[in-house]
């Protein structure tokens, strides 16, 4: 298979949506959908009336019509919900999730990939966070049902993913070990997923997609290549300037004068060691420059993964008002990106754009009533009786402390789940009349979007980004 020169980053919940991924794939490069929170995104799109009909079109293609009908009956609102009404919630994942939730999650991942692949022959990938473990098996199965070409996984050590792809492509039962804080050495918690318990009919074996591990060190890349449960097909080597979650610096945490983590020599990746593994790799993090592509190819890379400049293009799922405000701020010189060491409940550093009217403003965020009603970043912990519990450092303080959490874990934490949903125009309305605010993330090189906005130009397309990076005009004849 000819590898793509450009991989479009799997940014944020719903930012790398099917529309963006499809547009990039049609240029001959690899479009990637974000696999985060697709179950919530699907039901919220349905509750605003599915204005373009895409969700209903994808569900009509889902291989189990009974599941599709149950989802539509439960969540679709013709004409959309009333302004100010809350979105109907969905259950949260546990070690033994409700069947309704598993069905929804499989269908949601299917829908996003199906739409991204619709009507062309380009390659489509899906991006997952290993840190969000409990939904992962059903997420992957849904993507496989839609014929996804690549699965990319980062934010953790995804050693188990290759074998999971092998097993699920054959519709066979699969299990995965789940991390539980405080578990004793002899204790093990697992998630199990059985495709044959889900679908009314099982078809032929599915295509096994290629697996790319997202890594921040040559040591991790070598470990995954040697010790993963199956075949690793390549790597995305991501530096600390990339948007979203970053790998923490190696060694004791040090902060600069602005309060950001300091990365040093130990965090630099030895590309010669990556190259020596013998698998394709792509460089990510502040790579949106044609000169960077030349440098990457000379270093032995297959190409680049690029995120932030795609995040602000016309096809991305980022709300239009956010795109407009960031562009205004860049032109005026006040937009900055802050690598926040505390904001994310995961404990990973998280990049935040300082945007007025969003949860980047700490004083404003402190007025928000703490609530954890989406729960994607919850951690599992061992209760004193040996059972597993669920907690999030962004939930109400008393609740977290009652769950054996440390008070120091609460400082500076923010609700990424609700902020990321607001980023794509699906903010939750609260009974008190308040509405969740956005929490925008971008890479350090967000200013490069101005390369596409010369003069009075206010927007640009995904195709323009690809043409800029490749230095050539591209066609979308695959449409």
Protein backbone atom coordinates (compact mmCIF):
# COMPACT_ATOMS: atom_id res chain seq x y z
CA UNK A 1 0.00 0.00 0.00
CA UNK A 2 1.24 3.51 -0.82
CA UNK A 3 1.47 5.43 2.43
CA UNK A 4 -0.01 8.94 2.62
CA UNK A 5 2.36 11.88 2.87
CA UNK A 6 -0.11 13.77 5.04
CA UNK A 7 -2.21 12.45 7.91
CA UNK A 8 -4.85 14.89 9.12
CA UNK A 9 -4.80 14.87 12.91
CA UNK A 10 -7.58 13.26 14.96
CA UNK A 11 -8.31 16.42 16.91
CA UNK A 12 -10.76 16.77 19.78
CA UNK A 13 -14.23 15.31 20.08
CA UNK A 14 -16.06 16.11 16.83
CA UNK A 15 -13.50 18.59 15.48
CA UNK A 16 -12.00 15.97 13.18
CA UNK A 17 -15.47 15.04 12.01
CA UNK A 18 -16.55 12.99 9.03
CA UNK A 19 -16.86 16.04 6.79
CA UNK A 20 -13.22 17.05 7.35
CA UNK A 21 -11.88 13.51 7.09
CA UNK A 22 -13.80 12.93 3.88
CA UNK A 23 -12.48 16.15 2.34
CA UNK A 24 -8.87 15.24 3.13
CA UNK A 25 -9.26 11.65 1.94
CA UNK A 26 -10.63 12.88 -1.36
CA UNK A 27 -7.30 14.63 -2.02
CA UNK A 28 -5.46 11.31 -1.80
CA UNK A 29 -4.11 11.93 1.72
CA UNK A 30 -5.43 10.35 4.93
CA UNK A 31 -8.44 11.88 6.61
CA UNK A 32 -8.94 10.91 10.24
CA UNK A 33 -12.05 11.13 12.40
CA UNK A 34 -11.78 11.57 16.14
CA UNK A 35 -13.19 8.52 17.94
CA UNK A 36 -13.73 10.38 21.23
CA UNK A 37 -17.29 10.65 22.60
CA UNK A 38 -18.95 9.69 19.31
CA UNK A 39 -21.89 8.16 21.19
CA UNK A 40 -22.71 11.51 22.82
CA UNK A 41 -22.07 13.39 19.59
CA UNK A 42 -24.43 11.15 17.62
CA UNK A 43 -27.32 11.51 20.07
CA UNK A 44 -26.87 15.28 20.33
CA UNK A 45 -26.83 15.63 16.55
CA UNK A 46 -30.07 13.66 16.49
CA UNK A 47 -31.60 15.83 19.22
CA UNK A 48 -30.95 19.03 17.26
CA UNK A 49 -32.90 17.42 14.43
CA UNK A 50 -30.09 15.97 12.30
CA UNK A 51 -30.43 18.99 9.97
CA UNK A 52 -28.49 17.51 7.04
CA UNK A 53 -29.92 14.00 7.50
CA UNK A 54 -26.43 12.49 7.63
CA UNK A 55 -26.90 10.66 10.94
CA UNK A 56 -30.10 9.01 9.76
CA UNK A 57 -28.47 8.12 6.44
CA UNK A 58 -25.58 6.42 8.23
CA UNK A 59 -27.87 4.58 10.65
CA UNK A 60 -29.91 3.32 7.69
CA UNK A 61 -26.71 1.64 6.47
CA UNK A 62 -25.88 0.07 9.86
CA UNK A 63 -25.90 -3.74 9.59
CA UNK A 64 -28.52 -4.19 12.35
CA UNK A 65 -31.71 -2.26 11.59
CA UNK A 66 -33.15 -3.05 15.02
CA UNK A 67 -30.31 -1.22 16.78
CA UNK A 68 -30.61 1.74 14.41
CA UNK A 69 -34.37 1.96 15.03
CA UNK A 70 -33.95 1.87 18.81
CA UNK A 71 -31.44 4.74 18.65
CA UNK A 72 -33.70 6.87 16.46
CA UNK A 73 -36.78 6.16 18.57
CA UNK A 74 -34.92 7.14 21.72
CA UNK A 75 -33.02 10.22 20.61
CA UNK A 76 -34.19 11.73 17.30
CA UNK A 77 -36.26 14.93 17.62
CA UNK A 78 -37.80 16.09 14.34
CA UNK A 79 -37.11 19.81 13.96
CA UNK A 80 -34.72 19.74 16.92
CA UNK A 81 -35.13 20.26 20.65
CA UNK A 82 -36.35 23.58 21.99
CA UNK A 83 -33.67 26.17 22.64
CA UNK A 84 -32.66 26.04 26.28
CA UNK A 85 -33.78 22.44 26.75
CA UNK A 86 -31.11 20.06 27.99
CA UNK A 87 -29.77 17.28 25.82
CA UNK A 88 -31.02 13.90 26.91
CA UNK A 89 -28.09 12.13 28.58
CA UNK A 90 -26.73 8.70 27.81
CA UNK A 91 -25.43 6.17 30.36
CA UNK A 92 -21.74 6.23 31.32
CA UNK A 93 -19.47 3.28 30.61
CA UNK A 94 -18.63 0.87 33.42
CA UNK A 95 -16.87 -2.48 33.49
CA UNK A 96 -20.31 -4.00 32.75
CA UNK A 97 -21.94 -1.41 30.47
CA UNK A 98 -25.63 -1.38 29.64
CA UNK A 99 -26.41 -3.10 26.34
CA UNK A 100 -28.18 0.06 25.15
CA UNK A 101 -24.91 1.98 25.53
CA UNK A 102 -22.80 -0.63 23.78
CA UNK A 103 -25.23 -0.68 20.84
CA UNK A 104 -25.14 3.10 20.65
CA UNK A 105 -21.36 3.23 20.80
CA UNK A 106 -20.90 0.68 18.02
CA UNK A 107 -23.43 2.46 15.82
CA UNK A 108 -21.91 5.90 16.48
CA UNK A 109 -18.40 4.81 15.49
CA UNK A 110 -19.81 3.05 12.44
CA UNK A 111 -21.71 6.18 11.41
CA UNK A 112 -18.71 8.54 11.58
CA UNK A 113 -16.46 6.24 9.56
CA UNK A 114 -19.22 5.31 7.10
CA UNK A 115 -19.88 8.96 6.29
CA UNK A 116 -16.16 9.78 6.03
CA UNK A 117 -15.72 6.96 3.48
CA UNK A 118 -18.93 7.64 1.57
CA UNK A 119 -18.62 8.20 -2.17
CA UNK A 120 -14.84 7.94 -2.71
CA UNK A 121 -11.95 5.48 -2.58
CA UNK A 122 -9.57 7.41 -0.32
CA UNK A 123 -8.21 6.10 2.98
CA UNK A 124 -9.89 6.99 6.29
CA UNK A 125 -8.50 6.52 9.78
CA UNK A 126 -9.95 6.86 13.27
CA UNK A 127 -8.09 8.18 16.31
CA UNK A 128 -8.59 6.91 19.87
CA UNK A 129 -7.11 7.70 23.27
CA UNK A 130 -5.86 4.57 25.06
CA UNK A 131 -6.59 6.47 28.28
CA UNK A 132 -10.33 6.16 27.54
CA UNK A 133 -10.38 2.39 27.89
CA UNK A 134 -13.89 1.24 28.77
CA UNK A 135 -15.62 2.20 25.47
CA UNK A 136 -12.65 1.17 23.32
CA UNK A 137 -13.62 -2.37 22.28
CA UNK A 138 -17.08 -1.40 21.06
CA UNK A 139 -15.67 1.78 19.47
CA UNK A 140 -13.21 -0.23 17.40
CA UNK A 141 -15.80 -2.79 16.34
CA UNK A 142 -18.10 -0.06 15.04
CA UNK A 143 -15.27 1.45 13.01
CA UNK A 144 -14.37 -1.98 11.60
CA UNK A 145 -17.96 -2.56 10.53
CA UNK A 146 -17.69 0.60 8.44
CA UNK A 147 -14.42 -0.52 6.79
CA UNK A 148 -12.00 1.87 8.49
CA UNK A 149 -8.54 1.74 6.89
CA UNK A 150 -6.32 2.85 9.81
CA UNK A 151 -6.70 2.89 13.58
CA UNK A 152 -4.45 5.37 15.42
CA UNK A 153 -4.12 5.19 19.22
CA UNK A 154 -2.19 7.41 21.61
CA UNK A 155 -2.35 8.82 25.17
CA UNK A 156 -1.13 5.60 26.73
CA UNK A 157 0.65 2.36 25.87
CA UNK A 158 -1.58 0.63 23.30
CA UNK A 159 0.15 -2.78 23.33
CA UNK A 160 -3.15 -4.68 23.27
CA UNK A 161 -4.67 -2.95 20.24
CA UNK A 162 -3.11 -5.02 17.39
CA UNK A 163 -4.56 -8.31 18.71
CA UNK A 164 -7.89 -6.61 19.36
CA UNK A 165 -8.01 -5.60 15.69
CA UNK A 166 -7.17 -9.16 14.64
CA UNK A 167 -9.89 -10.64 16.85
CA UNK A 168 -12.68 -8.17 16.15
CA UNK A 169 -12.13 -8.37 12.40
CA UNK A 170 -13.23 -12.01 12.77
CA UNK A 171 -16.27 -11.02 14.90
CA UNK A 172 -14.83 -12.99 17.81
CA UNK A 173 -15.11 -12.29 21.54
CA UNK A 174 -12.34 -10.06 22.85
CA UNK A 175 -11.15 -8.88 26.27
CA UNK A 176 -8.87 -6.08 27.39
CA UNK A 177 -7.21 -5.38 30.72
CA UNK A 178 -8.45 -2.17 32.34
CA UNK A 179 -6.23 -0.02 34.54
CA UNK A 180 -7.58 0.30 38.09
CA UNK A 181 -5.73 2.57 40.51
CA UNK A 182 -4.84 0.71 43.70
CA UNK A 183 -5.41 -2.81 42.40
CA UNK A 184 -3.26 -5.42 44.13
CA UNK A 185 -0.64 -7.25 42.08
CA UNK A 186 -2.78 -10.37 41.79
CA UNK A 187 -5.95 -8.47 40.87
CA UNK A 188 -7.00 -7.90 37.28
CA UNK A 189 -9.98 -6.03 35.84
CA UNK A 190 -11.06 -6.70 32.27
CA UNK A 191 -13.63 -5.53 29.74
CA UNK A 192 -15.17 -8.13 27.46
CA UNK A 193 -16.99 -7.52 24.21
CA UNK A 194 -18.94 -10.17 22.27
CA UNK A 195 -19.98 -9.14 18.75
CA UNK A 196 -22.31 -12.13 18.45
CA UNK A 197 -24.29 -10.89 21.46
CA UNK A 198 -24.75 -7.53 19.76
CA UNK A 199 -25.71 -8.04 16.13
CA UNK A 200 -28.69 -10.11 15.04
CA UNK A 201 -26.66 -11.44 12.10
CA UNK A 202 -22.89 -11.78 11.69
CA UNK A 203 -21.50 -11.35 8.20
CA UNK A 204 -18.18 -12.26 6.60
CA UNK A 205 -14.87 -11.42 8.21
CA UNK A 206 -14.02 -7.71 8.22
CA UNK A 207 -10.93 -5.98 6.84
CA UNK A 208 -8.24 -5.68 9.49
CA UNK A 209 -7.16 -2.02 9.42
CA UNK A 210 -3.54 -0.92 9.72
CA UNK A 211 -2.53 0.12 13.24
CA UNK A 212 -0.49 3.25 13.94
CA UNK A 213 0.67 3.89 17.50
CA UNK A 214 1.04 7.55 18.51
CA UNK A 215 4.23 7.84 20.56
CA UNK A 216 6.38 10.54 22.13
CA UNK A 217 9.59 8.53 22.55
CA UNK A 218 11.75 6.12 20.59
CA UNK A 219 11.80 3.83 23.64
CA UNK A 220 8.02 3.42 23.56
CA UNK A 221 8.06 2.86 19.80
CA UNK A 222 10.62 0.08 20.14
CA UNK A 223 8.70 -1.49 23.03
CA UNK A 224 5.47 -1.52 21.03
CA UNK A 225 7.17 -2.94 17.95
CA UNK A 226 8.67 -5.82 19.99
CA UNK A 227 6.08 -6.51 22.68
CA UNK A 228 2.66 -5.65 21.27
CA UNK A 229 0.12 -8.44 21.02
CA UNK A 230 0.09 -8.33 17.23
CA UNK A 231 1.39 -6.38 14.25
CA UNK A 232 2.16 -2.68 14.61
CA UNK A 233 2.07 -1.10 11.14
CA UNK A 234 3.73 2.22 11.95
CA UNK A 235 4.03 5.20 14.28
CA UNK A 236 3.02 8.81 14.59
CA UNK A 237 5.85 10.50 16.50
CA UNK A 238 4.28 13.41 18.33
CA UNK A 239 6.23 16.24 19.92
CA UNK A 240 5.11 18.39 22.89
CA UNK A 241 4.04 21.29 20.68
CA UNK A 242 1.08 19.29 19.32
CA UNK A 243 -2.42 20.30 20.41
CA UNK A 244 -4.67 18.50 22.86
CA UNK A 245 -3.05 16.15 25.37
CA UNK A 246 0.75 15.99 25.47
CA UNK A 247 2.93 13.31 27.00
CA UNK A 248 4.31 14.62 30.31
CA UNK A 249 8.01 15.53 30.42
CA UNK A 250 10.35 12.75 31.52
CA UNK A 251 11.73 13.09 35.05
CA UNK A 252 10.59 15.45 37.79
CA UNK A 253 8.04 18.04 36.62
CA UNK A 254 9.49 21.52 36.20
CA UNK A 255 7.47 24.60 35.21
CA UNK A 256 8.57 27.71 33.35
CA UNK A 257 7.72 31.28 34.39
CA UNK A 258 4.28 30.95 32.79
CA UNK A 259 3.53 27.73 34.70
CA UNK A 260 3.96 25.39 31.73
CA UNK A 261 5.82 22.06 31.81
CA UNK A 262 9.44 22.29 30.69
CA UNK A 263 10.56 19.74 28.11
CA UNK A 264 14.25 18.98 27.77
CA UNK A 265 16.83 16.81 26.04
CA UNK A 266 15.36 13.63 27.55
CA UNK A 267 12.09 14.33 25.74
CA UNK A 268 13.69 14.56 22.30
CA UNK A 269 13.01 11.60 20.02
CA UNK A 270 15.93 9.91 18.30
CA UNK A 271 14.57 9.57 14.78
CA UNK A 272 17.42 7.30 13.72
CA UNK A 273 16.26 4.78 16.33
CA UNK A 274 12.69 5.13 15.08
CA UNK A 275 13.88 4.61 11.52
CA UNK A 276 15.89 1.54 12.55
CA UNK A 277 12.69 -0.20 13.69
CA UNK A 278 11.85 -0.52 10.02
CA UNK A 279 8.23 0.64 10.10
CA UNK A 280 6.70 3.74 8.48
CA UNK A 281 6.48 6.79 10.74
CA UNK A 282 5.04 10.28 10.52
CA UNK A 283 6.14 13.36 12.45
CA UNK A 284 3.57 15.42 14.39
CA UNK A 285 3.63 18.67 16.33
CA UNK A 286 4.23 22.05 14.63
CA UNK A 287 4.69 20.41 11.22
CA UNK A 288 2.37 22.57 9.08
CA UNK A 289 5.05 23.71 6.66
CA UNK A 290 6.13 22.27 3.29
CA UNK A 291 9.76 22.61 4.40
CA UNK A 292 8.96 20.31 7.34
CA UNK A 293 7.72 17.68 4.91
CA UNK A 294 11.02 17.77 3.05
CA UNK A 295 12.93 17.48 6.34
CA UNK A 296 10.76 14.57 7.47
CA UNK A 297 11.29 12.65 4.23
CA UNK A 298 15.04 13.18 4.43
CA UNK A 299 14.97 11.82 8.00
CA UNK A 300 13.31 8.64 6.72
CA UNK A 301 9.74 9.46 7.70
CA UNK A 302 6.78 8.59 5.49
CA UNK A 303 5.37 12.09 5.98
CA UNK A 304 3.65 14.35 8.48
CA UNK A 305 0.62 14.42 10.72
CA UNK A 306 -0.86 17.92 10.80
CA UNK A 307 -3.62 19.11 13.10
CA UNK A 308 -4.25 22.74 14.04
CA UNK A 309 -4.40 24.19 10.52
CA UNK A 310 -7.04 21.59 9.67
CA UNK A 311 -8.95 22.39 12.88
CA UNK A 312 -9.75 25.91 11.65
CA UNK A 313 -10.59 25.07 8.04
CA UNK A 314 -14.13 25.24 6.64
CA UNK A 315 -14.86 21.53 6.94
CA UNK A 316 -13.85 20.98 10.58
CA UNK A 317 -16.44 20.58 13.32
CA UNK A 318 -15.14 23.50 15.38
CA UNK A 319 -17.90 26.07 15.91
CA UNK A 320 -17.80 28.95 13.43
CA UNK A 321 -17.71 31.60 16.18
CA UNK A 322 -14.57 29.99 17.61
CA UNK A 323 -12.84 29.94 14.23
CA UNK A 324 -13.75 33.59 13.69
CA UNK A 325 -12.62 34.69 17.17
CA UNK A 326 -9.29 32.87 16.95
CA UNK A 327 -8.60 34.36 13.52
CA UNK A 328 -9.40 37.85 14.86
CA UNK A 329 -7.14 37.24 17.86
CA UNK A 330 -4.25 35.99 15.76
CA UNK A 331 -4.47 39.01 13.49
CA UNK A 332 -4.55 41.29 16.53
CA UNK A 333 -1.73 39.39 18.20
CA UNK A 334 -3.42 38.37 21.46
CA UNK A 335 -4.11 34.66 20.92
CA UNK A 336 -1.77 32.45 22.93
CA UNK A 337 -1.61 28.72 23.62
CA UNK A 338 -0.96 27.66 27.21
CA UNK A 339 0.22 24.15 28.06
CA UNK A 340 -1.79 23.61 31.24
CA UNK A 341 -0.27 20.93 33.49
CA UNK A 342 -3.44 20.59 35.59
CA UNK A 343 -6.54 21.20 33.46
CA UNK A 344 -7.04 17.63 32.27
CA UNK A 345 -8.37 15.03 34.74
CA UNK A 346 -6.10 12.51 32.99
CA UNK A 347 -2.98 14.08 34.51
CA UNK A 348 -1.53 14.68 31.03
CA UNK A 349 -0.63 18.29 30.12
CA UNK A 350 -3.32 19.85 27.93
CA UNK A 351 -2.96 22.80 25.57
CA UNK A 352 -5.57 25.57 25.96
CA UNK A 353 -6.21 28.65 23.76
CA UNK A 354 -6.79 31.85 25.79
CA UNK A 355 -10.15 32.77 24.30
CA UNK A 356 -12.60 35.19 25.97
CA UNK A 357 -15.97 33.63 26.72
CA UNK A 358 -14.52 30.15 27.20
CA UNK A 359 -13.37 28.07 30.14
CA UNK A 360 -9.78 29.16 29.46
CA UNK A 361 -10.61 32.04 31.81
CA UNK A 362 -9.95 30.52 35.22
CA UNK A 363 -11.97 33.02 37.26
CA UNK A 364 -14.96 32.35 35.05
CA UNK A 365 -14.49 28.60 35.27
CA UNK A 366 -14.52 28.70 39.07
CA UNK A 367 -18.12 29.96 38.91
CA UNK A 368 -19.16 26.76 37.14
CA UNK A 369 -20.94 24.22 39.33
CA UNK A 370 -18.84 21.05 39.32
CA UNK A 371 -20.60 18.17 37.58
CA UNK A 372 -19.42 15.01 35.83
CA UNK A 373 -22.24 13.85 33.57
CA UNK A 374 -20.32 12.63 30.51
CA UNK A 375 -17.58 10.74 32.29
CA UNK A 376 -15.18 9.89 29.46
CA UNK A 377 -12.12 10.82 31.52
CA UNK A 378 -13.14 9.05 34.70
CA UNK A 379 -10.55 6.76 36.28
CA UNK A 380 -11.21 3.45 37.95
CA UNK A 381 -10.00 2.93 41.50
CA UNK A 382 -10.02 0.07 43.97
CA UNK A 383 -12.48 0.54 46.80
CA UNK A 384 -11.56 -0.65 50.27
CA UNK A 385 -13.85 -3.67 49.80
CA UNK A 386 -11.96 -4.71 46.66
CA UNK A 387 -14.59 -3.64 44.14
CA UNK A 388 -13.97 -1.03 41.44
CA UNK A 389 -15.28 2.53 41.63
CA UNK A 390 -15.25 5.46 39.20
CA UNK A 391 -14.05 9.00 39.87
CA UNK A 392 -13.01 12.16 38.06
CA UNK A 393 -10.94 15.02 39.45
CA UNK A 394 -13.38 17.44 37.79
CA UNK A 395 -16.46 16.10 39.61
CA UNK A 396 -17.86 17.73 42.80
CA UNK A 397 -15.12 18.02 45.40
CA UNK A 398 -16.94 16.20 48.20
CA UNK A 399 -17.85 13.35 45.88
CA UNK A 400 -14.26 12.92 44.74
CA UNK A 401 -12.91 12.91 48.29
CA UNK A 402 -15.52 10.36 49.34
CA UNK A 403 -14.11 8.12 46.60
CA UNK A 404 -10.67 8.04 48.26
CA UNK A 405 -9.37 10.81 46.00
CA UNK A 406 -6.65 13.20 47.11
CA UNK A 407 -7.53 16.86 47.60
CA UNK A 408 -4.40 17.90 45.72
CA UNK A 409 -5.76 16.15 42.61
CA UNK A 410 -8.64 18.66 42.43
CA UNK A 411 -6.56 21.81 42.05
CA UNK A 412 -6.86 23.41 38.62
CA UNK A 413 -8.85 20.57 37.03
CA UNK A 414 -11.41 21.43 34.38
CA UNK A 415 -14.27 19.53 32.75
CA UNK A 416 -12.79 18.75 29.36
CA UNK A 417 -15.75 16.58 28.34
CA UNK A 418 -18.35 19.35 28.48
CA UNK A 419 -15.92 21.96 27.16
CA UNK A 420 -15.08 19.87 24.09
CA UNK A 421 -18.76 19.29 23.32
CA UNK A 422 -19.30 23.05 23.46
CA UNK A 423 -16.41 23.50 21.00
CA UNK A 424 -18.50 21.82 18.29
CA UNK A 425 -21.79 23.62 18.99
CA UNK A 426 -23.29 20.88 21.17
CA UNK A 427 -23.05 22.57 24.58
CA UNK A 428 -25.27 21.27 27.35
CA UNK A 429 -27.93 23.64 28.72
CA UNK A 430 -28.45 23.38 32.49
CA UNK A 431 -31.75 23.60 34.41
CA UNK A 432 -30.57 26.86 36.02
CA UNK A 433 -30.36 28.50 32.59
CA UNK A 434 -26.57 28.29 32.28
CA UNK A 435 -24.88 26.81 29.23
CA UNK A 436 -21.55 25.00 29.22
CA UNK A 437 -18.72 27.01 27.66
CA UNK A 438 -16.07 25.92 25.20
CA UNK A 439 -12.51 24.93 26.10
CA UNK A 440 -10.47 25.28 22.91
CA UNK A 441 -7.23 23.41 22.32
CA UNK A 442 -4.65 23.99 19.57
CA UNK A 443 -1.02 23.27 18.87
CA UNK A 444 1.69 25.84 19.44
CA UNK A 445 1.76 26.70 15.73
CA UNK A 446 -1.90 27.77 15.54
CA UNK A 447 -0.67 31.06 14.06
CA UNK A 448 0.13 29.24 10.82
CA UNK A 449 -3.54 29.37 9.89
CA UNK A 450 -2.86 32.96 8.82
CA UNK A 451 -0.84 31.52 5.91
CA UNK A 452 -4.21 30.65 4.37
CA UNK A 453 -5.90 33.98 5.16
CA UNK A 454 -4.07 36.59 3.15
CA UNK A 455 -5.70 39.99 2.78
CA UNK A 456 -9.38 40.03 3.71
CA UNK A 457 -9.87 36.29 3.30
CA UNK A 458 -11.84 34.83 6.23
CA UNK A 459 -11.82 31.07 5.59
CA UNK A 460 -9.99 28.30 3.76
CA UNK A 461 -10.58 24.67 2.82
CA UNK A 462 -8.94 21.38 3.78
CA UNK A 463 -7.89 21.01 0.16
CA UNK A 464 -5.95 24.30 0.38
CA UNK A 465 -4.05 22.93 3.39
CA UNK A 466 -3.07 19.78 1.52
CA UNK A 467 -1.99 21.77 -1.55
CA UNK A 468 0.11 24.10 0.61
CA UNK A 469 1.87 21.23 2.37
CA UNK A 470 2.55 19.28 -0.82
CA UNK A 471 3.38 22.33 -2.92
CA UNK A 472 1.20 21.05 -5.75
CA UNK A 473 -2.36 21.36 -6.93
CA UNK A 474 -4.47 18.33 -5.96
CA UNK A 475 -7.63 17.03 -7.53
CA UNK A 476 -10.62 15.43 -5.84
CA UNK A 477 -11.50 13.14 -8.71
CA UNK A 478 -12.33 10.32 -6.31
CA UNK A 479 -15.56 12.03 -5.29
